[in-house]
């Protein structure tokens, strides 16, 4: 397999092991991110089920998910939205 180098010195397409090493997270965490029902981590599956993640897309995805301060989360707003959605279904 020919690896295309990026300016950062690593391959542009990374397998799960390379992505684990790059981001210092577990394979389980990566798989959870990839299979999230909302806003999943972009990945592709190639021959024999191998999963590849494009480094630049991974960086963009991570940057779009900063940690929120617990004080910045409006629990009342979230609860109201859930209750309104439930009323619509009922």
PDB file of N, CA and C in Angstrom:
ATOM      1  N   UNK A   1       0.838  -1.177   0.000  1.00  0.00           N
ATOM      2  CA  UNK A   1       0.000   0.000   0.000  1.00  0.00           C
ATOM      3  C   UNK A   1       0.886   1.244   0.000  1.00  0.00           C
ATOM      4  N   UNK A   2       0.601   2.173  -0.860  1.00  0.00           N
ATOM      5  CA  UNK A   2       1.365   3.413  -0.937  1.00  0.00           C
ATOM      6  C   UNK A   2       0.746   4.418   0.030  1.00  0.00           C
ATOM      7  N   UNK A   3       1.556   4.955   0.909  1.00  0.00           N
ATOM      8  CA  UNK A   3       1.076   5.935   1.875  1.00  0.00           C
ATOM      9  C   UNK A   3       1.407   7.331   1.376  1.00  0.00           C
ATOM     10  N   UNK A   4       0.408   8.172   1.283  1.00  0.00           N
ATOM     11  CA  UNK A   4       0.592   9.543   0.849  1.00  0.00           C
ATOM     12  C   UNK A   4       0.938  10.389   2.067  1.00  0.00           C
ATOM     13  N   UNK A   5       2.066  11.017   2.044  1.00  0.00           N
ATOM     14  CA  UNK A   5       2.522  11.812   3.179  1.00  0.00           C
ATOM     15  C   UNK A   5       1.855  13.185   3.178  1.00  0.00           C
ATOM     16  N   UNK A   6       1.598  13.685   4.370  1.00  0.00           N
ATOM     17  CA  UNK A   6       1.024  14.995   4.565  1.00  0.00           C
ATOM     18  C   UNK A   6       2.109  15.890   5.140  1.00  0.00           C
ATOM     19  N   UNK A   7       1.873  17.181   5.179  1.00  0.00           N
ATOM     20  CA  UNK A   7       2.874  18.105   5.704  1.00  0.00           C
ATOM     21  C   UNK A   7       3.299  17.743   7.119  1.00  0.00           C
ATOM     22  N   UNK A   8       2.386  17.204   7.934  1.00  0.00           N
ATOM     23  CA  UNK A   8       2.710  16.858   9.307  1.00  0.00           C
ATOM     24  C   UNK A   8       3.647  15.672   9.415  1.00  0.00           C
ATOM     25  N   UNK A   9       3.965  15.006   8.303  1.00  0.00           N
ATOM     26  CA  UNK A   9       4.904  13.901   8.325  1.00  0.00           C
ATOM     27  C   UNK A   9       4.261  12.536   8.396  1.00  0.00           C
ATOM     28  N   UNK A  10       2.968  12.453   8.674  1.00  0.00           N
ATOM     29  CA  UNK A  10       2.293  11.166   8.745  1.00  0.00           C
ATOM     30  C   UNK A  10       1.409  10.954   7.539  1.00  0.00           C
ATOM     31  N   UNK A  11       0.883   9.757   7.407  1.00  0.00           N
ATOM     32  CA  UNK A  11      -0.001   9.480   6.272  1.00  0.00           C
ATOM     33  C   UNK A  11      -1.319  10.254   6.403  1.00  0.00           C
ATOM     34  N   UNK A  12      -1.901  10.645   5.268  1.00  0.00           N
ATOM     35  CA  UNK A  12      -3.179  11.355   5.298  1.00  0.00           C
ATOM     36  C   UNK A  12      -4.303  10.430   5.751  1.00  0.00           C
ATOM     37  N   UNK A  13      -4.275   9.163   5.316  1.00  0.00           N
ATOM     38  CA  UNK A  13      -5.292   8.193   5.722  1.00  0.00           C
ATOM     39  C   UNK A  13      -4.695   7.295   6.803  1.00  0.00           C
ATOM     40  N   UNK A  14      -5.379   7.219   7.942  1.00  0.00           N
ATOM     41  CA  UNK A  14      -4.885   6.443   9.068  1.00  0.00           C
ATOM     42  C   UNK A  14      -5.847   5.303   9.384  1.00  0.00           C
ATOM     43  N   UNK A  15      -5.302   4.152   9.754  1.00  0.00           N
ATOM     44  CA  UNK A  15      -6.154   3.068  10.236  1.00  0.00           C
ATOM     45  C   UNK A  15      -6.446   3.334  11.710  1.00  0.00           C
ATOM     46  N   UNK A  16      -7.218   2.458  12.338  1.00  0.00           N
ATOM     47  CA  UNK A  16      -7.594   2.701  13.733  1.00  0.00           C
ATOM     48  C   UNK A  16      -6.387   2.768  14.657  1.00  0.00           C
ATOM     49  N   UNK A  17      -5.418   1.907  14.444  1.00  0.00           N
ATOM     50  CA  UNK A  17      -4.222   1.898  15.299  1.00  0.00           C
ATOM     51  C   UNK A  17      -3.458   3.214  15.164  1.00  0.00           C
ATOM     52  N   UNK A  18      -3.279   3.683  13.945  1.00  0.00           N
ATOM     53  CA  UNK A  18      -2.574   4.952  13.731  1.00  0.00           C
ATOM     54  C   UNK A  18      -3.338   6.112  14.347  1.00  0.00           C
ATOM     55  N   UNK A  19      -4.665   6.070  14.229  1.00  0.00           N
ATOM     56  CA  UNK A  19      -5.496   7.136  14.791  1.00  0.00           C
ATOM     57  C   UNK A  19      -5.444   7.104  16.315  1.00  0.00           C
ATOM     58  N   UNK A  20      -5.425   5.900  16.897  1.00  0.00           N
ATOM     59  CA  UNK A  20      -5.273   5.766  18.350  1.00  0.00           C
ATOM     60  C   UNK A  20      -3.991   6.446  18.808  1.00  0.00           C
ATOM     61  N   UNK A  21      -2.915   6.134  18.130  1.00  0.00           N
ATOM     62  CA  UNK A  21      -1.613   6.698  18.488  1.00  0.00           C
ATOM     63  C   UNK A  21      -1.602   8.218  18.288  1.00  0.00           C
ATOM     64  N   UNK A  22      -2.197   8.666  17.196  1.00  0.00           N
ATOM     65  CA  UNK A  22      -2.223  10.089  16.857  1.00  0.00           C
ATOM     66  C   UNK A  22      -2.998  10.897  17.898  1.00  0.00           C
ATOM     67  N   UNK A  23      -4.151  10.360  18.327  1.00  0.00           N
ATOM     68  CA  UNK A  23      -5.039  11.110  19.224  1.00  0.00           C
ATOM     69  C   UNK A  23      -4.926  10.691  20.687  1.00  0.00           C
ATOM     70  N   UNK A  24      -4.187   9.629  20.938  1.00  0.00           N
ATOM     71  CA  UNK A  24      -4.033   9.123  22.298  1.00  0.00           C
ATOM     72  C   UNK A  24      -5.391   8.772  22.925  1.00  0.00           C
ATOM     73  N   UNK A  25      -6.212   8.055  22.142  1.00  0.00           N
ATOM     74  CA  UNK A  25      -7.498   7.553  22.624  1.00  0.00           C
ATOM     75  C   UNK A  25      -7.573   6.060  22.304  1.00  0.00           C
ATOM     76  N   UNK A  26      -8.505   5.376  22.933  1.00  0.00           N
ATOM     77  CA  UNK A  26      -8.627   3.935  22.721  1.00  0.00           C
ATOM     78  C   UNK A  26      -9.374   3.617  21.426  1.00  0.00           C
ATOM     79  N   UNK A  27      -9.205   2.389  20.961  1.00  0.00           N
ATOM     80  CA  UNK A  27      -9.952   1.936  19.788  1.00  0.00           C
ATOM     81  C   UNK A  27     -11.447   1.969  20.083  1.00  0.00           C
ATOM     82  N   UNK A  28     -11.809   1.615  21.285  1.00  0.00           N
ATOM     83  CA  UNK A  28     -13.226   1.627  21.664  1.00  0.00           C
ATOM     84  C   UNK A  28     -13.812   3.039  21.534  1.00  0.00           C
ATOM     85  N   UNK A  29     -13.075   4.038  21.992  1.00  0.00           N
ATOM     86  CA  UNK A  29     -13.533   5.419  21.874  1.00  0.00           C
ATOM     87  C   UNK A  29     -13.692   5.805  20.415  1.00  0.00           C
ATOM     88  N   UNK A  30     -12.719   5.452  19.586  1.00  0.00           N
ATOM     89  CA  UNK A  30     -12.814   5.761  18.160  1.00  0.00           C
ATOM     90  C   UNK A  30     -14.046   5.116  17.534  1.00  0.00           C
ATOM     91  N   UNK A  31     -14.289   3.850  17.850  1.00  0.00           N
ATOM     92  CA  UNK A  31     -15.452   3.154  17.294  1.00  0.00           C
ATOM     93  C   UNK A  31     -16.755   3.794  17.775  1.00  0.00           C
ATOM     94  N   UNK A  32     -16.779   4.242  19.035  1.00  0.00           N
ATOM     95  CA  UNK A  32     -17.965   4.937  19.537  1.00  0.00           C
ATOM     96  C   UNK A  32     -18.183   6.243  18.773  1.00  0.00           C
ATOM     97  N   UNK A  33     -17.118   6.987  18.523  1.00  0.00           N
ATOM     98  CA  UNK A  33     -17.236   8.236  17.774  1.00  0.00           C
ATOM     99  C   UNK A  33     -17.712   7.975  16.348  1.00  0.00           C
ATOM    100  N   UNK A  34     -17.191   6.945  15.719  1.00  0.00           N
ATOM    101  CA  UNK A  34     -17.559   6.617  14.334  1.00  0.00           C
ATOM    102  C   UNK A  34     -19.028   6.222  14.238  1.00  0.00           C
ATOM    103  N   UNK A  35     -19.535   5.541  15.249  1.00  0.00           N
ATOM    104  CA  UNK A  35     -20.909   5.025  15.208  1.00  0.00           C
ATOM    105  C   UNK A  35     -21.899   5.872  15.996  1.00  0.00           C
ATOM    106  N   UNK A  36     -21.530   7.101  16.326  1.00  0.00           N
ATOM    107  CA  UNK A  36     -22.466   8.004  17.000  1.00  0.00           C
ATOM    108  C   UNK A  36     -23.681   8.222  16.109  1.00  0.00           C
ATOM    109  N   UNK A  37     -24.890   8.240  16.679  1.00  0.00           N
ATOM    110  CA  UNK A  37     -26.076   8.464  15.857  1.00  0.00           C
ATOM    111  C   UNK A  37     -26.161   9.889  15.312  1.00  0.00           C
ATOM    112  N   UNK A  38     -25.567  10.843  16.026  1.00  0.00           N
ATOM    113  CA  UNK A  38     -25.567  12.241  15.589  1.00  0.00           C
ATOM    114  C   UNK A  38     -24.127  12.711  15.475  1.00  0.00           C
ATOM    115  N   UNK A  39     -23.803  13.295  14.329  1.00  0.00           N
ATOM    116  CA  UNK A  39     -22.474  13.866  14.090  1.00  0.00           C
ATOM    117  C   UNK A  39     -21.345  12.865  14.333  1.00  0.00           C
ATOM    118  N   UNK A  40     -21.354  11.736  13.615  1.00  0.00           N
ATOM    119  CA  UNK A  40     -20.293  10.745  13.803  1.00  0.00           C
ATOM    120  C   UNK A  40     -18.958  11.210  13.220  1.00  0.00           C
ATOM    121  N   UNK A  41     -17.892  10.593  13.692  1.00  0.00           N
ATOM    122  CA  UNK A  41     -16.565  10.834  13.137  1.00  0.00           C
ATOM    123  C   UNK A  41     -16.531  10.277  11.721  1.00  0.00           C
ATOM    124  N   UNK A  42     -16.167  11.094  10.722  1.00  0.00           N
ATOM    125  CA  UNK A  42     -16.109  10.594   9.347  1.00  0.00           C
ATOM    126  C   UNK A  42     -15.037   9.510   9.182  1.00  0.00           C
ATOM    127  N   UNK A  43     -15.437   8.395   8.615  1.00  0.00           N
ATOM    128  CA  UNK A  43     -14.518   7.283   8.368  1.00  0.00           C
ATOM    129  C   UNK A  43     -15.021   6.505   7.160  1.00  0.00           C
ATOM    130  N   UNK A  44     -14.132   5.740   6.566  1.00  0.00           N
ATOM    131  CA  UNK A  44     -14.519   4.871   5.450  1.00  0.00           C
ATOM    132  C   UNK A  44     -14.091   3.445   5.772  1.00  0.00           C
ATOM    133  N   UNK A  45     -14.837   2.518   5.207  1.00  0.00           N
ATOM    134  CA  UNK A  45     -14.485   1.105   5.388  1.00  0.00           C
ATOM    135  C   UNK A  45     -14.074   0.560   4.024  1.00  0.00           C
ATOM    136  N   UNK A  46     -12.888  -0.011   3.967  1.00  0.00           N
ATOM    137  CA  UNK A  46     -12.345  -0.536   2.715  1.00  0.00           C
ATOM    138  C   UNK A  46     -12.276  -2.057   2.793  1.00  0.00           C
ATOM    139  N   UNK A  47     -11.572  -2.650   1.870  1.00  0.00           N
ATOM    140  CA  UNK A  47     -11.528  -4.111   1.782  1.00  0.00           C
ATOM    141  C   UNK A  47     -11.219  -4.785   3.113  1.00  0.00           C
ATOM    142  N   UNK A  48     -11.837  -5.918   3.305  1.00  0.00           N
ATOM    143  CA  UNK A  48     -11.676  -6.730   4.509  1.00  0.00           C
ATOM    144  C   UNK A  48     -12.125  -6.014   5.786  1.00  0.00           C
ATOM    145  N   UNK A  49     -12.988  -5.010   5.641  1.00  0.00           N
ATOM    146  CA  UNK A  49     -13.550  -4.323   6.795  1.00  0.00           C
ATOM    147  C   UNK A  49     -12.641  -3.314   7.473  1.00  0.00           C
ATOM    148  N   UNK A  50     -11.484  -3.042   6.886  1.00  0.00           N
ATOM    149  CA  UNK A  50     -10.544  -2.097   7.492  1.00  0.00           C
ATOM    150  C   UNK A  50     -11.143  -0.689   7.474  1.00  0.00           C
ATOM    151  N   UNK A  51     -11.045   0.008   8.601  1.00  0.00           N
ATOM    152  CA  UNK A  51     -11.572   1.366   8.727  1.00  0.00           C
ATOM    153  C   UNK A  51     -10.428   2.361   8.597  1.00  0.00           C
ATOM    154  N   UNK A  52     -10.645   3.374   7.754  1.00  0.00           N
ATOM    155  CA  UNK A  52      -9.645   4.425   7.559  1.00  0.00           C
ATOM    156  C   UNK A  52     -10.256   5.778   7.898  1.00  0.00           C
ATOM    157  N   UNK A  53      -9.440   6.633   8.466  1.00  0.00           N
ATOM    158  CA  UNK A  53      -9.862   7.970   8.850  1.00  0.00           C
ATOM    159  C   UNK A  53      -8.875   8.960   8.261  1.00  0.00           C
ATOM    160  N   UNK A  54      -9.392   9.964   7.574  1.00  0.00           N
ATOM    161  CA  UNK A  54      -8.532  10.981   6.973  1.00  0.00           C
ATOM    162  C   UNK A  54      -8.090  11.960   8.063  1.00  0.00           C
ATOM    163  N   UNK A  55      -6.797  12.113   8.190  1.00  0.00           N
ATOM    164  CA  UNK A  55      -6.225  12.926   9.278  1.00  0.00           C
ATOM    165  C   UNK A  55      -6.815  14.338   9.307  1.00  0.00           C
ATOM    166  N   UNK A  56      -6.910  14.994   8.173  1.00  0.00           N
ATOM    167  CA  UNK A  56      -7.412  16.374   8.149  1.00  0.00           C
ATOM    168  C   UNK A  56      -8.876  16.430   8.589  1.00  0.00           C
ATOM    169  N   UNK A  57      -9.679  15.453   8.190  1.00  0.00           N
ATOM    170  CA  UNK A  57     -11.089  15.403   8.618  1.00  0.00           C
ATOM    171  C   UNK A  57     -11.187  15.111  10.110  1.00  0.00           C
ATOM    172  N   UNK A  58     -10.312  14.236  10.612  1.00  0.00           N
ATOM    173  CA  UNK A  58     -10.284  13.923  12.034  1.00  0.00           C
ATOM    174  C   UNK A  58      -9.980  15.179  12.837  1.00  0.00           C
ATOM    175  N   UNK A  59      -8.966  15.939  12.404  1.00  0.00           N
ATOM    176  CA  UNK A  59      -8.612  17.181  13.090  1.00  0.00           C
ATOM    177  C   UNK A  59      -9.786  18.158  13.101  1.00  0.00           C
ATOM    178  N   UNK A  60     -10.458  18.296  11.954  1.00  0.00           N
ATOM    179  CA  UNK A  60     -11.618  19.196  11.861  1.00  0.00           C
ATOM    180  C   UNK A  60     -12.737  18.740  12.799  1.00  0.00           C
ATOM    181  N   UNK A  61     -12.990  17.424  12.813  1.00  0.00           N
ATOM    182  CA  UNK A  61     -14.059  16.883  13.649  1.00  0.00           C
ATOM    183  C   UNK A  61     -13.758  17.142  15.128  1.00  0.00           C
ATOM    184  N   UNK A  62     -12.515  16.891  15.537  1.00  0.00           N
ATOM    185  CA  UNK A  62     -12.140  17.135  16.931  1.00  0.00           C
ATOM    186  C   UNK A  62     -12.293  18.607  17.309  1.00  0.00           C
ATOM    187  N   UNK A  63     -11.840  19.488  16.439  1.00  0.00           N
ATOM    188  CA  UNK A  63     -11.916  20.917  16.722  1.00  0.00           C
ATOM    189  C   UNK A  63     -13.366  21.399  16.817  1.00  0.00           C
ATOM    190  N   UNK A  64     -14.278  20.709  16.166  1.00  0.00           N
ATOM    191  CA  UNK A  64     -15.696  21.076  16.208  1.00  0.00           C
ATOM    192  C   UNK A  64     -16.387  20.568  17.471  1.00  0.00           C
ATOM    193  N   UNK A  65     -15.663  19.843  18.318  1.00  0.00           N
ATOM    194  CA  UNK A  65     -16.240  19.268  19.536  1.00  0.00           C
ATOM    195  C   UNK A  65     -15.459  19.657  20.786  1.00  0.00           C
ATOM    196  N   UNK A  66     -15.383  20.970  21.056  1.00  0.00           N
ATOM    197  CA  UNK A  66     -14.646  21.386  22.255  1.00  0.00           C
ATOM    198  C   UNK A  66     -15.411  20.998  23.528  1.00  0.00           C
ATOM    199  N   UNK A  67     -14.697  20.908  24.604  1.00  0.00           N
ATOM    200  CA  UNK A  67     -15.313  20.608  25.896  1.00  0.00           C
ATOM    201  C   UNK A  67     -16.135  21.815  26.326  1.00  0.00           C
ATOM    202  N   UNK A  68     -17.364  21.556  26.755  1.00  0.00           N
ATOM    203  CA  UNK A  68     -18.212  22.625  27.259  1.00  0.00           C
ATOM    204  C   UNK A  68     -18.154  22.649  28.775  1.00  0.00           C
ATOM    205  N   UNK A  69     -18.101  23.830  29.324  1.00  0.00           N
ATOM    206  CA  UNK A  69     -18.167  23.973  30.768  1.00  0.00           C
ATOM    207  C   UNK A  69     -19.547  23.510  31.230  1.00  0.00           C
ATOM    208  N   UNK A  70     -19.603  22.800  32.319  1.00  0.00           N
ATOM    209  CA  UNK A  70     -20.877  22.302  32.841  1.00  0.00           C
ATOM    210  C   UNK A  70     -21.826  23.464  33.123  1.00  0.00           C
ATOM    211  N   UNK A  71     -21.279  24.624  33.452  1.00  0.00           N
ATOM    212  CA  UNK A  71     -22.106  25.799  33.732  1.00  0.00           C
ATOM    213  C   UNK A  71     -22.725  26.401  32.479  1.00  0.00           C
ATOM    214  N   UNK A  72     -22.167  26.075  31.317  1.00  0.00           N
ATOM    215  CA  UNK A  72     -22.693  26.636  30.073  1.00  0.00           C
ATOM    216  C   UNK A  72     -23.847  25.815  29.505  1.00  0.00           C
ATOM    217  N   UNK A  73     -24.140  24.671  30.109  1.00  0.00           N
ATOM    218  CA  UNK A  73     -25.214  23.809  29.619  1.00  0.00           C
ATOM    219  C   UNK A  73     -26.513  24.194  30.317  1.00  0.00           C
ATOM    220  N   UNK A  74     -27.531  24.536  29.517  1.00  0.00           N
ATOM    221  CA  UNK A  74     -28.831  24.939  30.051  1.00  0.00           C
ATOM    222  C   UNK A  74     -29.713  23.701  30.168  1.00  0.00           C
ATOM    223  N   UNK A  75     -29.707  23.089  31.330  1.00  0.00           N
ATOM    224  CA  UNK A  75     -30.455  21.853  31.560  1.00  0.00           C
ATOM    225  C   UNK A  75     -31.955  22.090  31.395  1.00  0.00           C
ATOM    226  N   UNK A  76     -32.444  23.236  31.846  1.00  0.00           N
ATOM    227  CA  UNK A  76     -33.870  23.538  31.705  1.00  0.00           C
ATOM    228  C   UNK A  76     -34.283  23.606  30.242  1.00  0.00           C
ATOM    229  N   UNK A  77     -33.458  24.211  29.416  1.00  0.00           N
ATOM    230  CA  UNK A  77     -33.759  24.296  27.987  1.00  0.00           C
ATOM    231  C   UNK A  77     -33.793  22.904  27.364  1.00  0.00           C
ATOM    232  N   UNK A  78     -32.856  22.069  27.721  1.00  0.00           N
ATOM    233  CA  UNK A  78     -32.820  20.694  27.206  1.00  0.00           C
ATOM    234  C   UNK A  78     -34.057  19.923  27.649  1.00  0.00           C
ATOM    235  N   UNK A  79     -34.422  20.047  28.925  1.00  0.00           N
ATOM    236  CA  UNK A  79     -35.607  19.343  29.436  1.00  0.00           C
ATOM    237  C   UNK A  79     -36.875  19.839  28.734  1.00  0.00           C
ATOM    238  N   UNK A  80     -36.996  21.144  28.546  1.00  0.00           N
ATOM    239  CA  UNK A  80     -38.165  21.694  27.851  1.00  0.00           C
ATOM    240  C   UNK A  80     -38.268  21.168  26.426  1.00  0.00           C
ATOM    241  N   UNK A  81     -37.138  21.079  25.737  1.00  0.00           N
ATOM    242  CA  UNK A  81     -37.143  20.567  24.363  1.00  0.00           C
ATOM    243  C   UNK A  81     -37.596  19.109  24.339  1.00  0.00           C
ATOM    244  N   UNK A  82     -37.091  18.310  25.248  1.00  0.00           N
ATOM    245  CA  UNK A  82     -37.474  16.899  25.306  1.00  0.00           C
ATOM    246  C   UNK A  82     -38.969  16.770  25.587  1.00  0.00           C
ATOM    247  N   UNK A  83     -39.467  17.534  26.550  1.00  0.00           N
ATOM    248  CA  UNK A  83     -40.895  17.475  26.877  1.00  0.00           C
ATOM    249  C   UNK A  83     -41.754  17.922  25.693  1.00  0.00           C
ATOM    250  N   UNK A  84     -41.343  18.970  24.988  1.00  0.00           N
ATOM    251  CA  UNK A  84     -42.089  19.424  23.812  1.00  0.00           C
ATOM    252  C   UNK A  84     -42.084  18.379  22.714  1.00  0.00           C
ATOM    253  N   UNK A  85     -40.946  17.732  22.500  1.00  0.00           N
ATOM    254  CA  UNK A  85     -40.865  16.669  21.493  1.00  0.00           C
ATOM    255  C   UNK A  85     -41.768  15.493  21.865  1.00  0.00           C
ATOM    256  N   UNK A  86     -41.828  15.163  23.147  1.00  0.00           N
ATOM    257  CA  UNK A  86     -42.688  14.070  23.599  1.00  0.00           C
ATOM    258  C   UNK A  86     -44.170  14.426  23.407  1.00  0.00           C
ATOM    259  N   UNK A  87     -44.525  15.669  23.637  1.00  0.00           N
ATOM    260  CA  UNK A  87     -45.910  16.106  23.448  1.00  0.00           C
ATOM    261  C   UNK A  87     -46.313  15.985  21.977  1.00  0.00           C
ATOM    262  N   UNK A  88     -45.395  16.280  21.078  1.00  0.00           N
ATOM    263  CA  UNK A  88     -45.678  16.187  19.641  1.00  0.00           C
ATOM    264  C   UNK A  88     -45.944  14.749  19.219  1.00  0.00           C
ATOM    265  N   UNK A  89     -45.221  13.824  19.833  1.00  0.00           N
ATOM    266  CA  UNK A  89     -45.360  12.397  19.491  1.00  0.00           C
ATOM    267  C   UNK A  89     -46.658  11.835  20.057  1.00  0.00           C
ATOM    268  N   UNK A  90     -47.046  12.289  21.235  1.00  0.00           N
ATOM    269  CA  UNK A  90     -48.229  11.749  21.921  1.00  0.00           C
ATOM    270  C   UNK A  90     -49.530  12.146  21.291  1.00  0.00           C
TER     271      UNK A  90
END
